[in-house]
Amino acid sequence: MDKTYSVKIVDILYGDALLKFYRICVEQQRRYEKEVDFHGHKFYECHFVESGNCIFSIEEREIPIHAQQLMVIPPDMGHCSSESRENAKICVLEFDIESIKSEKRGFYAIFRHLLEHASGHPVSVSVELVRLVSKFRAMPIPVTVEEYCHSTAVAAEIVTLLFSELGKSAGNDVYKTVVPSSPDFRVLLDVYICDSRYTLEKIAEALGYSKRHLSRLIYSVYGMNLSDVRNKRSREYAKWRLRNTDFSIDRIALDAGFKSAAAMRESFKKHDGITPQEYRKNHKIP
């Protein structure tokens, strides 16, 4: 009988590794009732045996696989599977991994290492992992945002458990490798700007830039120089205090980072055209 195939994809990004989960749908679902033709794919196939037994022919080997075991078939590995005497219930997870550019490196190499180590021989897995894969396969093909989010959430659970168990099977802690961290420049810059103890020179030293280059970067991000950024934030904090508290003008000025109440008054008059007292009168929350 002719079969109609369709493929749906759920993508999950981990650092420099993009995992693409394929949902290969067949009009008439294939069952493991007879030997399947020898074949290969350009992606990974993970065969999870829920119950029963199955025999895999991989290249020139015949390998039995039992309940709660996994057979990882890497790309281009010729294989076929047939049912043994006992009925086998098998669910298949199809996916590929691509390497992409990212500041968080190491995911791709670790995932590939664990998959290659597990390829071509039975690996014992937990009941929970088999349950998740079966659940993923039984989910409707995602056609809405909500369905896609649900499918992605289950796929993410599978990734976490799968590579954790493959790591244990490999007998190493490579999956627990610390991920190299490269904090976003803008986040770090914002942290330093919020700390008045850091001068332009000290921020430049902390971030590894020259003062001139840092000044240009600050202007490109905030549209103003360092002193103006801090002055604006001080005014915003002072305004919040003026609206929501009965604290004195002197206390609010110092809390906001101004050198004095007079300095805060000067900033308000320059940028808002009114004094702090007038701002409070017009905006005080009862």
Protein backbone atom coordinates (compact mmCIF):
# COMPACT_ATOMS: atom_id res chain seq x y z
CA MET A 1 0.00 0.00 0.00
CA ASP A 2 1.24 3.47 -0.84
CA LYS A 3 2.02 5.61 2.19
CA THR A 4 1.82 9.35 2.62
CA TYR A 5 4.65 10.89 4.62
CA SER A 6 4.84 14.27 6.31
CA VAL A 7 7.45 15.78 8.59
CA LYS A 8 7.00 18.26 11.41
CA ILE A 9 9.87 19.75 13.35
CA VAL A 10 10.31 20.94 16.92
CA ASP A 11 13.53 22.92 17.44
CA ILE A 12 15.34 23.32 20.75
CA LEU A 13 18.49 25.41 21.16
CA TYR A 14 21.15 24.60 23.75
CA GLY A 15 24.17 26.88 23.51
CA ASP A 16 25.95 25.93 20.28
CA ALA A 17 23.73 22.90 19.62
CA LEU A 18 20.45 23.11 17.71
CA LEU A 19 18.38 19.94 18.16
CA LYS A 20 15.71 19.32 15.53
CA PHE A 21 13.12 16.73 16.48
CA TYR A 22 11.41 15.22 13.45
CA ARG A 23 7.86 13.95 13.62
CA ILE A 24 7.72 11.62 10.66
CA CYS A 25 4.08 10.77 10.13
CA VAL A 26 2.87 7.89 8.00
CA GLU A 27 -0.69 7.44 6.81
CA GLN A 28 -0.60 3.83 7.98
CA GLN A 29 1.54 3.44 11.08
CA ARG A 30 4.24 0.82 10.66
CA ARG A 31 4.23 -1.92 13.25
CA TYR A 32 7.11 -4.21 14.12
CA GLU A 33 5.27 -7.27 12.85
CA LYS A 34 7.78 -8.15 10.18
CA GLU A 35 11.28 -7.32 9.16
CA VAL A 36 11.77 -3.76 7.97
CA ASP A 37 13.91 -3.19 4.89
CA PHE A 38 17.57 -2.42 5.50
CA HIS A 39 17.96 1.35 5.43
CA GLY A 40 19.79 4.38 6.80
CA HIS A 41 19.01 8.02 7.56
CA LYS A 42 20.72 11.40 7.66
CA PHE A 43 19.59 11.91 11.26
CA TYR A 44 19.66 10.08 14.59
CA GLU A 45 17.10 7.41 15.41
CA CYS A 46 16.63 6.35 19.01
CA HIS A 47 14.59 3.15 19.31
CA PHE A 48 13.09 2.70 22.79
CA VAL A 49 11.64 -0.72 23.63
CA GLU A 50 8.65 -0.31 25.91
CA SER A 51 7.98 -4.05 26.14
CA GLY A 52 8.93 -7.31 24.46
CA ASN A 53 12.11 -8.03 22.53
CA CYS A 54 13.49 -7.02 19.16
CA ILE A 55 16.49 -7.89 17.05
CA PHE A 56 18.42 -5.17 15.24
CA SER A 57 20.60 -5.91 12.25
CA ILE A 58 23.29 -3.24 12.19
CA GLU A 59 25.73 -3.49 9.35
CA GLU A 60 26.90 -7.12 9.76
CA ARG A 61 25.78 -7.66 13.35
CA GLU A 62 22.54 -8.90 14.86
CA ILE A 63 21.86 -7.35 18.26
CA PRO A 64 18.98 -8.28 20.58
CA ILE A 65 17.34 -5.43 22.47
CA HIS A 66 14.90 -5.84 25.35
CA ALA A 67 12.34 -3.87 27.32
CA GLN A 68 13.59 -0.63 28.89
CA GLN A 69 16.53 -0.51 26.51
CA LEU A 70 17.53 1.98 23.86
CA MET A 71 19.26 1.52 20.52
CA VAL A 72 20.89 4.66 19.11
CA ILE A 73 21.27 4.61 15.34
CA PRO A 74 23.55 7.44 14.13
CA PRO A 75 23.29 9.07 10.70
CA ASP A 76 24.22 6.85 7.74
CA MET A 77 24.40 3.64 9.81
CA GLY A 78 22.63 0.91 7.84
CA HIS A 79 20.16 -1.04 9.95
CA CYS A 80 16.90 -2.92 10.06
CA SER A 81 14.79 -4.34 12.85
CA SER A 82 12.55 -7.36 13.17
CA GLU A 83 10.33 -8.73 15.87
CA SER A 84 11.40 -11.78 17.84
CA ARG A 85 9.02 -14.35 19.26
CA GLU A 86 7.63 -11.96 21.84
CA ASN A 87 5.69 -8.93 20.60
CA ALA A 88 7.74 -5.76 20.82
CA LYS A 89 6.31 -2.35 21.51
CA ILE A 90 8.78 0.26 20.29
CA CYS A 91 8.69 4.03 20.05
CA VAL A 92 11.18 5.91 17.93
CA LEU A 93 12.66 9.35 18.49
CA GLU A 94 14.08 11.00 15.37
CA PHE A 95 16.27 14.07 15.60
CA ASP A 96 19.37 15.78 14.29
CA ILE A 97 21.95 18.09 15.85
CA GLU A 98 23.50 21.10 14.17
CA SER A 99 26.43 23.15 15.39
CA ILE A 100 25.80 26.89 15.44
CA LYS A 101 27.79 29.92 16.52
CA SER A 102 27.23 30.78 20.17
CA GLU A 103 29.09 32.27 23.12
CA LYS A 104 27.98 29.22 25.11
CA ARG A 105 30.12 26.49 23.59
CA GLY A 106 30.52 22.81 24.39
CA PHE A 107 26.94 21.54 24.13
CA TYR A 108 27.30 20.26 20.57
CA ALA A 109 30.54 18.37 21.27
CA ILE A 110 29.14 16.80 24.45
CA PHE A 111 25.85 15.74 22.87
CA ARG A 112 27.65 14.21 19.88
CA HIS A 113 30.16 12.46 22.14
CA LEU A 114 27.44 10.82 24.24
CA LEU A 115 25.42 9.75 21.21
CA GLU A 116 28.44 8.26 19.45
CA HIS A 117 29.42 6.37 22.61
CA ALA A 118 25.92 4.87 22.83
CA SER A 119 25.56 4.07 19.13
CA GLY A 120 25.09 0.52 17.89
CA HIS A 121 24.56 -1.32 21.17
CA PRO A 122 21.75 -1.63 23.75
CA VAL A 123 21.67 0.96 26.52
CA SER A 124 19.46 0.54 29.58
CA VAL A 125 17.20 3.53 30.23
CA SER A 126 14.68 4.52 32.85
CA VAL A 127 10.95 3.88 32.71
CA GLU A 128 10.44 7.64 32.94
CA LEU A 129 12.48 8.31 29.79
CA VAL A 130 10.59 5.69 27.81
CA ARG A 131 7.32 7.16 29.09
CA LEU A 132 8.31 10.66 27.95
CA VAL A 133 9.28 9.49 24.48
CA SER A 134 6.03 7.56 24.17
CA LYS A 135 4.14 10.67 25.30
CA PHE A 136 5.97 12.82 22.76
CA ARG A 137 5.16 10.42 19.94
CA ALA A 138 1.49 10.30 20.96
CA MET A 139 1.10 14.09 21.03
CA PRO A 140 -0.77 15.68 18.14
CA ILE A 141 1.34 17.18 15.39
CA PRO A 142 1.78 20.82 16.51
CA VAL A 143 -0.09 23.25 14.32
CA THR A 144 -0.78 26.02 16.86
CA VAL A 145 1.54 28.01 19.12
CA GLU A 146 0.10 26.27 22.18
CA GLU A 147 0.65 22.79 20.72
CA TYR A 148 4.17 23.70 19.63
CA CYS A 149 4.99 24.94 23.14
CA HIS A 150 3.66 21.74 24.70
CA SER A 151 5.66 19.58 22.28
CA THR A 152 8.80 21.62 22.90
CA ALA A 153 8.40 21.30 26.68
CA VAL A 154 8.19 17.51 26.49
CA ALA A 155 11.11 17.36 24.03
CA ALA A 156 13.19 19.44 26.46
CA GLU A 157 12.43 16.96 29.27
CA ILE A 158 13.53 14.15 26.98
CA VAL A 159 16.83 15.90 26.19
CA THR A 160 17.60 16.46 29.87
CA LEU A 161 16.92 12.85 30.85
CA LEU A 162 18.35 11.23 27.72
CA PHE A 163 21.79 12.83 27.92
CA SER A 164 21.94 12.41 31.69
CA GLU A 165 21.36 8.68 31.32
CA LEU A 166 23.73 8.38 28.36
CA GLY A 167 26.37 10.08 30.50
CA LYS A 168 25.88 7.54 33.27
CA SER A 169 26.03 4.72 30.73
CA ALA A 170 29.30 6.10 29.38
CA GLY A 171 30.70 6.08 32.91
CA ASN A 172 31.81 9.72 32.86
CA ASP A 173 30.60 13.12 33.96
CA VAL A 174 31.06 14.88 30.62
CA TYR A 175 27.38 15.89 30.70
CA LYS A 176 28.10 17.81 33.90
CA THR A 177 30.79 19.92 32.23
CA VAL A 178 30.59 23.54 33.31
CA VAL A 179 29.24 25.72 30.50
CA PRO A 180 31.63 28.55 29.56
CA SER A 181 30.02 31.83 30.55
CA SER A 182 30.26 35.08 28.64
CA PRO A 183 27.88 37.59 30.22
CA ASP A 184 26.15 39.99 27.88
CA PHE A 185 28.12 43.23 27.63
CA ARG A 186 25.06 45.41 28.15
CA VAL A 187 24.10 43.57 31.34
CA LEU A 188 27.56 44.01 32.85
CA LEU A 189 27.73 47.64 31.74
CA ASP A 190 24.37 48.32 33.37
CA VAL A 191 25.55 46.77 36.63
CA TYR A 192 28.63 49.00 36.72
CA ILE A 193 26.67 52.10 35.80
CA CYS A 194 24.29 51.48 38.70
CA ASP A 195 27.26 51.41 41.10
CA SER A 196 28.42 55.00 41.59
CA ARG A 197 31.71 53.78 43.07
CA TYR A 198 32.82 52.86 39.55
CA THR A 199 34.22 55.74 37.55
CA LEU A 200 34.51 55.62 33.77
CA GLU A 201 38.13 54.60 34.19
CA LYS A 202 37.30 51.75 36.59
CA ILE A 203 34.48 50.45 34.37
CA ALA A 204 36.79 50.51 31.36
CA GLU A 205 39.41 48.55 33.29
CA ALA A 206 36.83 46.00 34.51
CA LEU A 207 35.47 45.42 31.00
CA GLY A 208 38.84 45.51 29.26
CA TYR A 209 38.23 48.62 27.14
CA SER A 210 39.95 51.95 26.75
CA LYS A 211 38.12 54.94 28.26
CA ARG A 212 37.56 56.41 24.81
CA HIS A 213 36.12 53.19 23.41
CA LEU A 214 33.91 52.68 26.48
CA SER A 215 32.56 56.22 26.19
CA ARG A 216 31.51 55.52 22.61
CA LEU A 217 29.89 52.24 23.65
CA ILE A 218 27.94 53.90 26.46
CA TYR A 219 26.66 56.55 24.08
CA SER A 220 25.67 53.91 21.51
CA VAL A 221 23.66 51.99 24.15
CA TYR A 222 22.11 54.85 26.15
CA GLY A 223 22.27 57.81 23.80
CA MET A 224 24.12 59.89 26.40
CA ASN A 225 27.37 59.93 28.38
CA LEU A 226 27.98 58.18 31.70
CA SER A 227 27.27 61.18 33.95
CA ASP A 228 24.01 61.91 32.14
CA VAL A 229 22.90 58.26 32.41
CA ARG A 230 23.52 58.29 36.15
CA ASN A 231 21.90 61.68 36.58
CA LYS A 232 18.78 60.50 34.76
CA ARG A 233 18.54 57.36 36.88
CA SER A 234 19.00 59.40 40.05
CA ARG A 235 16.14 61.67 39.02
CA GLU A 236 13.92 58.68 38.23
CA TYR A 237 14.62 57.18 41.66
CA ALA A 238 14.06 60.53 43.36
CA LYS A 239 10.73 60.95 41.55
CA TRP A 240 9.60 57.54 42.75
CA ARG A 241 10.48 58.52 46.32
CA LEU A 242 8.75 61.89 45.99
CA ARG A 243 5.57 60.23 44.76
CA ASN A 244 5.45 57.37 47.22
CA THR A 245 7.01 58.58 50.49
CA ASP A 246 7.02 61.51 52.89
CA PHE A 247 10.80 61.47 53.24
CA SER A 248 12.53 64.83 53.36
CA ILE A 249 14.04 66.35 50.24
CA ASP A 250 17.51 66.11 51.78
CA ARG A 251 17.15 62.39 52.50
CA ILE A 252 15.75 61.60 49.03
CA ALA A 253 18.58 63.53 47.38
CA LEU A 254 21.24 61.53 49.23
CA ASP A 255 19.44 58.21 48.71
CA ALA A 256 19.18 58.95 44.99
CA GLY A 257 22.90 59.56 44.68
CA PHE A 258 22.95 63.36 44.48
CA LYS A 259 25.68 65.17 46.41
CA SER A 260 23.11 67.47 48.00
CA ALA A 261 19.51 68.67 47.83
CA ALA A 262 20.77 71.68 45.89
CA ALA A 263 22.34 69.40 43.25
CA MET A 264 19.06 67.49 42.91
CA ARG A 265 17.13 70.78 42.61
CA GLU A 266 19.49 71.95 39.87
CA SER A 267 19.05 68.67 37.95
CA PHE A 268 15.26 68.81 38.21
CA LYS A 269 15.14 72.43 37.04
CA LYS A 270 17.44 71.70 34.10
CA HIS A 271 15.69 68.58 32.81
CA ASP A 272 12.09 68.86 34.08
CA GLY A 273 11.66 72.61 34.50
CA ILE A 274 10.36 72.27 38.06
CA THR A 275 11.79 71.79 41.56
CA PRO A 276 11.54 68.50 43.52
CA GLN A 277 8.97 70.16 45.82
CA GLU A 278 6.82 71.13 42.84
CA TYR A 279 7.13 67.62 41.39
CA ARG A 280 5.95 66.12 44.69
CA LYS A 281 3.02 68.52 44.88
CA ASN A 282 1.88 67.61 41.37
CA HIS A 283 2.45 63.84 41.52
CA LYS A 284 2.16 62.73 45.16
CA ILE A 285 0.17 59.54 45.53
CA PRO A 286 -2.40 59.94 48.35
